[in-house]
Amino acid sequence: MTFRKIFGALFLIGCLLLPQAVSAEKTDWSDKNYNFRGVRDIVLLNVTSRANIGGGNIFYQRLQSDYVNEARKMKCSIITEDQARRMTSSIRELSNIADLYVECTVKDWSDDYYIVPARTVWERKEMRRHVRDRNGDRREEIYYETVPVTYPPYRVDVSKIAVSFEVYDTRTGQMVFGREDIRDRNDKDAQTGMYGRICKSFFQDLGKKIK
């Protein structure tokens, strides 16, 4: 077997053994006629969920904090829903305090798995043997052979998440920007990290529109 084939087999094994992102899909929509440059204040409505995210209230507060903290990296004023309720008599009067409001919904937060079947690959192995030299003395000799190696089947855990963001103009009530971010990863309990990256990606892109 050539070195190229051996390297290819080892590379394939490495790809199978290391956790990897299976997929990441972002779907955006934006109102091209909306003047994002005029935005100065944004209200963040609390994160809602259609999925069983578990973890109780403390875990939910962590998700809420990640969401708010990433939003505050934008160059505009961020008002939380709790702050907005203290500033207005009704959440419907947001136009008195902000230009936009954002809804964040967790649509999927689930676990899955698949089984990688048993596989046999050819690998170059270091071998040792004892030989006699020209003087009749025994010595150890190292040589290499390409041999078949069988790896047993194994389970790969998959973490799945889907989050949507909808941005509305407070005066018209019309959506001006939206995103649905769907991701899964070959890893166990990876949703929290993916959620943080999803929030970061969304507010970075929204920030580019309004700066």
C-alpha atoms as a PDB file:
ATOM      1  CA  MET A   1       0.000   0.000   0.000  1.00  0.00           C
ATOM      2  CA  THR A   2       1.370   3.419  -0.945  1.00  0.00           C
ATOM      3  CA  PHE A   3       2.081   6.148   1.595  1.00  0.00           C
ATOM      4  CA  ARG A   4      -0.753   8.242   0.112  1.00  0.00           C
ATOM      5  CA  LYS A   5      -3.284   5.471   0.763  1.00  0.00           C
ATOM      6  CA  ILE A   6      -1.986   4.927   4.285  1.00  0.00           C
ATOM      7  CA  PHE A   7      -2.193   8.647   5.037  1.00  0.00           C
ATOM      8  CA  GLY A   8      -5.703   8.787   3.613  1.00  0.00           C
ATOM      9  CA  ALA A   9      -6.826   5.930   5.830  1.00  0.00           C
ATOM     10  CA  LEU A  10      -5.355   7.547   8.948  1.00  0.00           C
ATOM     11  CA  PHE A  11      -6.948  10.896   8.057  1.00  0.00           C
ATOM     12  CA  LEU A  12     -10.351   9.230   7.656  1.00  0.00           C
ATOM     13  CA  ILE A  13     -10.025   7.582  11.074  1.00  0.00           C
ATOM     14  CA  GLY A  14      -9.126  10.936  12.652  1.00  0.00           C
ATOM     15  CA  CYS A  15     -12.175  12.559  11.082  1.00  0.00           C
ATOM     16  CA  LEU A  16     -14.411   9.822  12.452  1.00  0.00           C
ATOM     17  CA  LEU A  17     -13.009   9.949  15.974  1.00  0.00           C
ATOM     18  CA  LEU A  18     -12.976  13.723  16.527  1.00  0.00           C
ATOM     19  CA  PRO A  19     -16.188  15.637  17.406  1.00  0.00           C
ATOM     20  CA  GLN A  20     -17.284  17.725  14.444  1.00  0.00           C
ATOM     21  CA  ALA A  21     -20.091  20.043  13.456  1.00  0.00           C
ATOM     22  CA  VAL A  22     -22.533  18.026  11.382  1.00  0.00           C
ATOM     23  CA  SER A  23     -24.426  21.012  10.028  1.00  0.00           C
ATOM     24  CA  ALA A  24     -25.055  24.703  10.538  1.00  0.00           C
ATOM     25  CA  GLU A  25     -27.751  26.501   8.587  1.00  0.00           C
ATOM     26  CA  LYS A  26     -28.761  30.150   8.863  1.00  0.00           C
ATOM     27  CA  THR A  27     -31.806  31.525   7.057  1.00  0.00           C
ATOM     28  CA  ASP A  28     -32.108  35.326   6.988  1.00  0.00           C
ATOM     29  CA  TRP A  29     -34.687  37.796   5.791  1.00  0.00           C
ATOM     30  CA  SER A  30     -34.265  41.573   5.799  1.00  0.00           C
ATOM     31  CA  ASP A  31     -36.420  44.519   4.724  1.00  0.00           C
ATOM     32  CA  LYS A  32     -34.176  46.230   2.198  1.00  0.00           C
ATOM     33  CA  ASN A  33     -36.169  49.456   2.467  1.00  0.00           C
ATOM     34  CA  TYR A  34     -35.768  49.825   6.223  1.00  0.00           C
ATOM     35  CA  ASN A  35     -33.311  52.458   7.492  1.00  0.00           C
ATOM     36  CA  PHE A  36     -31.300  50.501  10.068  1.00  0.00           C
ATOM     37  CA  ARG A  37     -28.833  53.405  10.284  1.00  0.00           C
ATOM     38  CA  GLY A  38     -31.407  55.427  12.192  1.00  0.00           C
ATOM     39  CA  VAL A  39     -31.732  52.884  15.021  1.00  0.00           C
ATOM     40  CA  ARG A  40     -30.647  54.158  18.428  1.00  0.00           C
ATOM     41  CA  ASP A  41     -32.564  52.063  20.993  1.00  0.00           C
ATOM     42  CA  ILE A  42     -33.565  48.387  20.966  1.00  0.00           C
ATOM     43  CA  VAL A  43     -35.752  46.450  23.396  1.00  0.00           C
ATOM     44  CA  LEU A  44     -34.912  42.788  23.953  1.00  0.00           C
ATOM     45  CA  LEU A  45     -37.969  40.762  24.846  1.00  0.00           C
ATOM     46  CA  ASN A  46     -37.221  37.836  27.132  1.00  0.00           C
ATOM     47  CA  VAL A  47     -36.105  34.564  25.564  1.00  0.00           C
ATOM     48  CA  THR A  48     -38.991  32.154  25.041  1.00  0.00           C
ATOM     49  CA  SER A  49     -38.860  28.442  24.299  1.00  0.00           C
ATOM     50  CA  ARG A  50     -40.937  25.902  22.443  1.00  0.00           C
ATOM     51  CA  ALA A  51     -38.471  23.179  23.436  1.00  0.00           C
ATOM     52  CA  ASN A  52     -37.689  21.441  26.696  1.00  0.00           C
ATOM     53  CA  ILE A  53     -34.392  23.116  27.540  1.00  0.00           C
ATOM     54  CA  GLY A  54     -34.385  21.795  31.123  1.00  0.00           C
ATOM     55  CA  GLY A  55     -32.041  23.159  33.752  1.00  0.00           C
ATOM     56  CA  GLY A  56     -34.589  25.160  35.733  1.00  0.00           C
ATOM     57  CA  ASN A  57     -34.654  28.895  36.382  1.00  0.00           C
ATOM     58  CA  ILE A  58     -30.915  29.314  36.951  1.00  0.00           C
ATOM     59  CA  PHE A  59     -30.144  27.728  33.596  1.00  0.00           C
ATOM     60  CA  TYR A  60     -32.754  29.923  31.890  1.00  0.00           C
ATOM     61  CA  GLN A  61     -31.195  33.034  33.444  1.00  0.00           C
ATOM     62  CA  ARG A  62     -27.849  31.979  31.994  1.00  0.00           C
ATOM     63  CA  LEU A  63     -29.375  31.778  28.516  1.00  0.00           C
ATOM     64  CA  GLN A  64     -31.016  35.158  29.027  1.00  0.00           C
ATOM     65  CA  SER A  65     -27.691  36.670  30.131  1.00  0.00           C
ATOM     66  CA  ASP A  66     -25.850  35.317  27.072  1.00  0.00           C
ATOM     67  CA  TYR A  67     -28.555  36.834  24.872  1.00  0.00           C
ATOM     68  CA  VAL A  68     -28.426  40.274  26.538  1.00  0.00           C
ATOM     69  CA  ASN A  69     -24.636  40.401  26.860  1.00  0.00           C
ATOM     70  CA  GLU A  70     -24.107  39.739  23.157  1.00  0.00           C
ATOM     71  CA  ALA A  71     -26.694  42.403  22.269  1.00  0.00           C
ATOM     72  CA  ARG A  72     -24.897  44.981  24.410  1.00  0.00           C
ATOM     73  CA  LYS A  73     -21.813  44.672  22.226  1.00  0.00           C
ATOM     74  CA  MET A  74     -23.682  46.590  19.514  1.00  0.00           C
ATOM     75  CA  LYS A  75     -23.272  50.345  19.254  1.00  0.00           C
ATOM     76  CA  CYS A  76     -26.778  51.231  20.399  1.00  0.00           C
ATOM     77  CA  SER A  77     -28.776  51.376  23.619  1.00  0.00           C
ATOM     78  CA  ILE A  78     -30.140  48.016  24.799  1.00  0.00           C
ATOM     79  CA  ILE A  79     -33.261  47.896  26.979  1.00  0.00           C
ATOM     80  CA  THR A  80     -34.347  44.592  28.521  1.00  0.00           C
ATOM     81  CA  GLU A  81     -38.000  43.634  28.745  1.00  0.00           C
ATOM     82  CA  ASP A  82     -37.972  44.099  32.525  1.00  0.00           C
ATOM     83  CA  GLN A  83     -36.567  47.608  32.099  1.00  0.00           C
ATOM     84  CA  ALA A  84     -39.114  48.383  29.381  1.00  0.00           C
ATOM     85  CA  ARG A  85     -42.014  47.386  31.640  1.00  0.00           C
ATOM     86  CA  ARG A  86     -40.812  49.910  34.203  1.00  0.00           C
ATOM     87  CA  MET A  87     -40.472  52.634  31.576  1.00  0.00           C
ATOM     88  CA  THR A  88     -43.876  52.220  29.877  1.00  0.00           C
ATOM     89  CA  SER A  89     -47.388  51.465  31.053  1.00  0.00           C
ATOM     90  CA  SER A  90     -47.732  48.771  28.383  1.00  0.00           C
ATOM     91  CA  ILE A  91     -45.331  46.625  26.417  1.00  0.00           C
ATOM     92  CA  ARG A  92     -47.331  47.754  23.375  1.00  0.00           C
ATOM     93  CA  GLU A  93     -46.028  51.304  23.815  1.00  0.00           C
ATOM     94  CA  LEU A  94     -42.431  50.441  23.000  1.00  0.00           C
ATOM     95  CA  SER A  95     -42.317  53.130  20.307  1.00  0.00           C
ATOM     96  CA  ASN A  96     -42.035  55.667  23.159  1.00  0.00           C
ATOM     97  CA  ILE A  97     -38.664  54.270  24.230  1.00  0.00           C
ATOM     98  CA  ALA A  98     -37.135  52.338  21.321  1.00  0.00           C
ATOM     99  CA  ASP A  99     -36.893  51.981  17.553  1.00  0.00           C
ATOM    100  CA  LEU A 100     -36.832  48.180  17.408  1.00  0.00           C
ATOM    101  CA  TYR A 101     -37.657  45.198  19.546  1.00  0.00           C
ATOM    102  CA  VAL A 102     -36.263  41.674  19.280  1.00  0.00           C
ATOM    103  CA  GLU A 103     -37.977  38.356  19.935  1.00  0.00           C
ATOM    104  CA  CYS A 104     -35.789  35.289  20.543  1.00  0.00           C
ATOM    105  CA  THR A 105     -37.348  31.811  20.484  1.00  0.00           C
ATOM    106  CA  VAL A 106     -35.605  28.497  21.159  1.00  0.00           C
ATOM    107  CA  LYS A 107     -37.385  26.038  18.856  1.00  0.00           C
ATOM    108  CA  ASP A 108     -35.263  22.920  19.355  1.00  0.00           C
ATOM    109  CA  TRP A 109     -32.954  21.761  22.139  1.00  0.00           C
ATOM    110  CA  SER A 110     -32.638  18.035  21.816  1.00  0.00           C
ATOM    111  CA  ASP A 111     -30.254  15.084  21.809  1.00  0.00           C
ATOM    112  CA  ASP A 112     -29.768  12.323  19.275  1.00  0.00           C
ATOM    113  CA  TYR A 113     -27.121   9.771  18.353  1.00  0.00           C
ATOM    114  CA  TYR A 114     -25.976   7.462  15.593  1.00  0.00           C
ATOM    115  CA  ILE A 115     -23.785   4.369  15.424  1.00  0.00           C
ATOM    116  CA  VAL A 116     -20.588   4.258  13.393  1.00  0.00           C
ATOM    117  CA  PRO A 117     -20.341   0.649  12.175  1.00  0.00           C
ATOM    118  CA  ALA A 118     -17.302  -1.557  12.623  1.00  0.00           C
ATOM    119  CA  ARG A 119     -14.645  -0.858  10.042  1.00  0.00           C
ATOM    120  CA  THR A 120     -11.352  -2.340   8.899  1.00  0.00           C
ATOM    121  CA  VAL A 121      -8.511  -0.159   7.646  1.00  0.00           C
ATOM    122  CA  TRP A 122      -4.943  -0.777   6.607  1.00  0.00           C
ATOM    123  CA  GLU A 123      -2.323   0.707   8.895  1.00  0.00           C
ATOM    124  CA  ARG A 124       1.472   0.771   8.879  1.00  0.00           C
ATOM    125  CA  LYS A 125       2.749  -0.907  12.036  1.00  0.00           C
ATOM    126  CA  GLU A 126       6.211  -0.934  13.546  1.00  0.00           C
ATOM    127  CA  MET A 127       7.438  -4.508  14.052  1.00  0.00           C
ATOM    128  CA  ARG A 128      10.491  -5.890  15.838  1.00  0.00           C
ATOM    129  CA  ARG A 129      12.434  -9.082  15.335  1.00  0.00           C
ATOM    130  CA  HIS A 130      15.748 -10.573  16.344  1.00  0.00           C
ATOM    131  CA  VAL A 131      18.294 -11.402  13.665  1.00  0.00           C
ATOM    132  CA  ARG A 132      21.920 -12.474  13.614  1.00  0.00           C
ATOM    133  CA  ASP A 133      24.498 -10.223  12.068  1.00  0.00           C
ATOM    134  CA  ARG A 134      27.471 -11.341  10.012  1.00  0.00           C
ATOM    135  CA  ASN A 135      29.362 -12.140  13.207  1.00  0.00           C
ATOM    136  CA  GLY A 136      26.590 -14.382  14.474  1.00  0.00           C
ATOM    137  CA  ASP A 137      25.492 -11.973  17.193  1.00  0.00           C
ATOM    138  CA  ARG A 138      21.792 -11.477  17.841  1.00  0.00           C
ATOM    139  CA  ARG A 139      20.374  -7.968  17.479  1.00  0.00           C
ATOM    140  CA  GLU A 140      16.949  -6.388  17.325  1.00  0.00           C
ATOM    141  CA  GLU A 141      15.753  -5.156  13.949  1.00  0.00           C
ATOM    142  CA  ILE A 142      12.855  -2.742  13.372  1.00  0.00           C
ATOM    143  CA  TYR A 143      10.761  -3.101  10.241  1.00  0.00           C
ATOM    144  CA  TYR A 144       7.298  -2.022   9.079  1.00  0.00           C
ATOM    145  CA  GLU A 145       4.326  -3.910   7.729  1.00  0.00           C
ATOM    146  CA  THR A 146       0.948  -2.765   6.500  1.00  0.00           C
ATOM    147  CA  VAL A 147      -1.696  -4.798   8.290  1.00  0.00           C
ATOM    148  CA  PRO A 148      -5.510  -4.757   8.540  1.00  0.00           C
ATOM    149  CA  VAL A 149      -6.853  -3.251  11.781  1.00  0.00           C
ATOM    150  CA  THR A 150     -10.516  -3.637  12.749  1.00  0.00           C
ATOM    151  CA  TYR A 151     -12.184  -0.963  14.868  1.00  0.00           C
ATOM    152  CA  PRO A 152     -15.405  -1.864  16.695  1.00  0.00           C
ATOM    153  CA  PRO A 153     -18.658   0.079  16.243  1.00  0.00           C
ATOM    154  CA  TYR A 154     -19.142   3.094  18.496  1.00  0.00           C
ATOM    155  CA  ARG A 155     -21.845   5.598  19.383  1.00  0.00           C
ATOM    156  CA  VAL A 156     -21.696   9.276  18.441  1.00  0.00           C
ATOM    157  CA  ASP A 157     -23.887  11.645  20.470  1.00  0.00           C
ATOM    158  CA  VAL A 158     -25.455  14.570  18.599  1.00  0.00           C
ATOM    159  CA  SER A 159     -26.639  17.847  20.118  1.00  0.00           C
ATOM    160  CA  LYS A 160     -29.353  19.728  18.200  1.00  0.00           C
ATOM    161  CA  ILE A 161     -30.513  23.329  18.535  1.00  0.00           C
ATOM    162  CA  ALA A 162     -32.675  25.768  16.586  1.00  0.00           C
ATOM    163  CA  VAL A 163     -33.111  29.438  17.521  1.00  0.00           C
ATOM    164  CA  SER A 164     -35.088  32.145  15.739  1.00  0.00           C
ATOM    165  CA  PHE A 165     -34.722  35.912  16.047  1.00  0.00           C
ATOM    166  CA  GLU A 166     -37.352  38.346  14.818  1.00  0.00           C
ATOM    167  CA  VAL A 167     -36.729  42.105  14.787  1.00  0.00           C
ATOM    168  CA  TYR A 168     -39.723  44.458  14.620  1.00  0.00           C
ATOM    169  CA  ASP A 169     -40.129  48.175  14.092  1.00  0.00           C
ATOM    170  CA  THR A 170     -41.877  49.528  17.200  1.00  0.00           C
ATOM    171  CA  ARG A 171     -43.885  52.112  15.282  1.00  0.00           C
ATOM    172  CA  THR A 172     -45.295  49.977  12.467  1.00  0.00           C
ATOM    173  CA  GLY A 173     -45.162  46.577  14.146  1.00  0.00           C
ATOM    174  CA  GLN A 174     -43.651  45.144  10.962  1.00  0.00           C
ATOM    175  CA  MET A 175     -40.760  42.695  11.007  1.00  0.00           C
ATOM    176  CA  VAL A 176     -37.647  44.225   9.437  1.00  0.00           C
ATOM    177  CA  PHE A 177     -35.086  41.476  10.027  1.00  0.00           C
ATOM    178  CA  GLY A 178     -35.293  37.810  10.918  1.00  0.00           C
ATOM    179  CA  ARG A 179     -33.070  34.781  11.283  1.00  0.00           C
ATOM    180  CA  GLU A 180     -33.519  31.090  11.957  1.00  0.00           C
ATOM    181  CA  ASP A 181     -30.292  29.373  12.989  1.00  0.00           C
ATOM    182  CA  ILE A 182     -30.323  25.565  13.029  1.00  0.00           C
ATOM    183  CA  ARG A 183     -27.271  23.638  14.172  1.00  0.00           C
ATOM    184  CA  ASP A 184     -26.232  20.190  15.298  1.00  0.00           C
ATOM    185  CA  ARG A 185     -22.904  18.910  16.511  1.00  0.00           C
ATOM    186  CA  ASN A 186     -21.315  15.532  17.116  1.00  0.00           C
ATOM    187  CA  ASP A 187     -20.920  16.040  20.851  1.00  0.00           C
ATOM    188  CA  LYS A 188     -22.859  15.479  24.063  1.00  0.00           C
ATOM    189  CA  ASP A 189     -24.619  18.395  25.815  1.00  0.00           C
ATOM    190  CA  ALA A 190     -23.176  20.954  23.371  1.00  0.00           C
ATOM    191  CA  GLN A 191     -26.316  23.087  23.032  1.00  0.00           C
ATOM    192  CA  THR A 192     -25.263  25.739  25.552  1.00  0.00           C
ATOM    193  CA  GLY A 193     -22.060  26.531  23.684  1.00  0.00           C
ATOM    194  CA  MET A 194     -23.856  26.556  20.339  1.00  0.00           C
ATOM    195  CA  TYR A 195     -26.541  28.865  21.758  1.00  0.00           C
ATOM    196  CA  GLY A 196     -23.892  31.386  22.812  1.00  0.00           C
ATOM    197  CA  ARG A 197     -22.329  31.326  19.347  1.00  0.00           C
ATOM    198  CA  ILE A 198     -25.753  31.696  17.727  1.00  0.00           C
ATOM    199  CA  CYS A 199     -26.489  34.822  19.780  1.00  0.00           C
ATOM    200  CA  LYS A 200     -23.047  36.238  19.034  1.00  0.00           C
ATOM    201  CA  SER A 201     -23.435  35.670  15.288  1.00  0.00           C
ATOM    202  CA  PHE A 202     -26.901  37.237  15.186  1.00  0.00           C
ATOM    203  CA  PHE A 203     -26.057  40.411  17.070  1.00  0.00           C
ATOM    204  CA  GLN A 204     -22.803  40.851  15.158  1.00  0.00           C
ATOM    205  CA  ASP A 205     -24.774  40.837  11.898  1.00  0.00           C
ATOM    206  CA  LEU A 206     -27.544  43.056  13.272  1.00  0.00           C
ATOM    207  CA  GLY A 207     -24.884  45.437  14.594  1.00  0.00           C
ATOM    208  CA  LYS A 208     -23.359  45.718  11.120  1.00  0.00           C
ATOM    209  CA  LYS A 209     -26.722  46.906   9.807  1.00  0.00           C
ATOM    210  CA  ILE A 210     -27.257  49.669  12.359  1.00  0.00           C
ATOM    211  CA  LYS A 211     -23.767  51.066  12.944  1.00  0.00           C
END
